[in-house]
Amino acid sequence: MKKSMSLPKPKTKKLLGKKFIELAKKVRKGFEEQEKYLREKRAQDEYSIFSHTHSHS
């Protein structure tokens, strides 16, 4: 009897799983947005460096 009592209730476990999945989605979306921003920024920096080096020659 004691063994079955130590198991977590399926209801709370499912709820935690859902919250975790939602959080993971938010985190992943945040990382994707950050990566996109950094990639665009790097592309702009490369473009500005490229245009500066060629404008002087």
Protein backbone atom coordinates (compact mmCIF):
# COMPACT_ATOMS: atom_id res chain seq x y z
CA MET A 1 0.00 0.00 0.00
CA LYS A 2 2.81 2.42 0.85
CA LYS A 3 4.35 2.02 -2.61
CA SER A 4 1.23 3.28 -4.46
CA MET A 5 0.99 6.34 -2.18
CA SER A 6 4.49 7.53 -3.09
CA LEU A 7 3.57 7.74 -6.79
CA PRO A 8 2.62 11.24 -7.99
CA LYS A 9 -0.99 11.86 -8.93
CA PRO A 10 -1.41 11.59 -12.72
CA LYS A 11 -3.45 14.82 -12.80
CA THR A 12 -0.69 17.02 -11.34
CA LYS A 13 1.98 15.26 -13.40
CA LYS A 14 0.05 15.97 -16.61
CA LEU A 15 -0.44 19.62 -15.62
CA LEU A 16 3.26 20.03 -14.87
CA GLY A 17 4.10 18.44 -18.20
CA LYS A 18 1.83 20.87 -20.03
CA LYS A 19 3.34 23.87 -18.22
CA PHE A 20 6.84 22.61 -18.98
CA ILE A 21 6.03 22.16 -22.68
CA GLU A 22 4.60 25.70 -22.87
CA LEU A 23 7.68 27.08 -21.12
CA ALA A 24 9.99 25.12 -23.42
CA LYS A 25 8.16 26.50 -26.46
CA LYS A 26 8.54 30.06 -25.16
CA VAL A 27 12.24 29.54 -24.45
CA ARG A 28 12.84 28.02 -27.87
CA LYS A 29 10.96 30.86 -29.57
CA GLY A 30 13.04 33.35 -27.60
CA PHE A 31 16.26 31.67 -28.72
CA GLU A 32 15.10 31.65 -32.35
CA GLU A 33 14.25 35.37 -32.20
CA GLN A 34 17.60 36.16 -30.58
CA GLU A 35 19.46 34.11 -33.18
CA LYS A 36 17.57 35.85 -35.99
CA TYR A 37 18.36 39.27 -34.49
CA LEU A 38 22.06 38.45 -34.09
CA ARG A 39 22.25 37.08 -37.63
CA GLU A 40 20.64 40.24 -39.07
CA LYS A 41 22.90 42.44 -36.96
CA ARG A 42 25.98 40.53 -38.08
CA ALA A 43 24.87 40.83 -41.72
CA GLN A 44 24.42 44.60 -41.29
CA ASP A 45 27.84 44.91 -39.65
CA GLU A 46 29.49 42.94 -42.46
CA TYR A 47 27.71 45.10 -45.02
CA SER A 48 28.79 48.33 -43.34
CA ILE A 49 32.41 47.11 -43.05
CA PHE A 50 32.32 45.99 -46.68
CA SER A 51 30.90 49.32 -47.89
CA HIS A 52 33.38 51.32 -45.77
CA THR A 53 36.43 49.46 -47.05
CA HIS A 54 35.34 49.90 -50.66
CA SER A 55 34.35 53.56 -50.36
CA HIS A 56 37.92 54.55 -49.36
CA SER A 57 39.68 52.96 -52.35
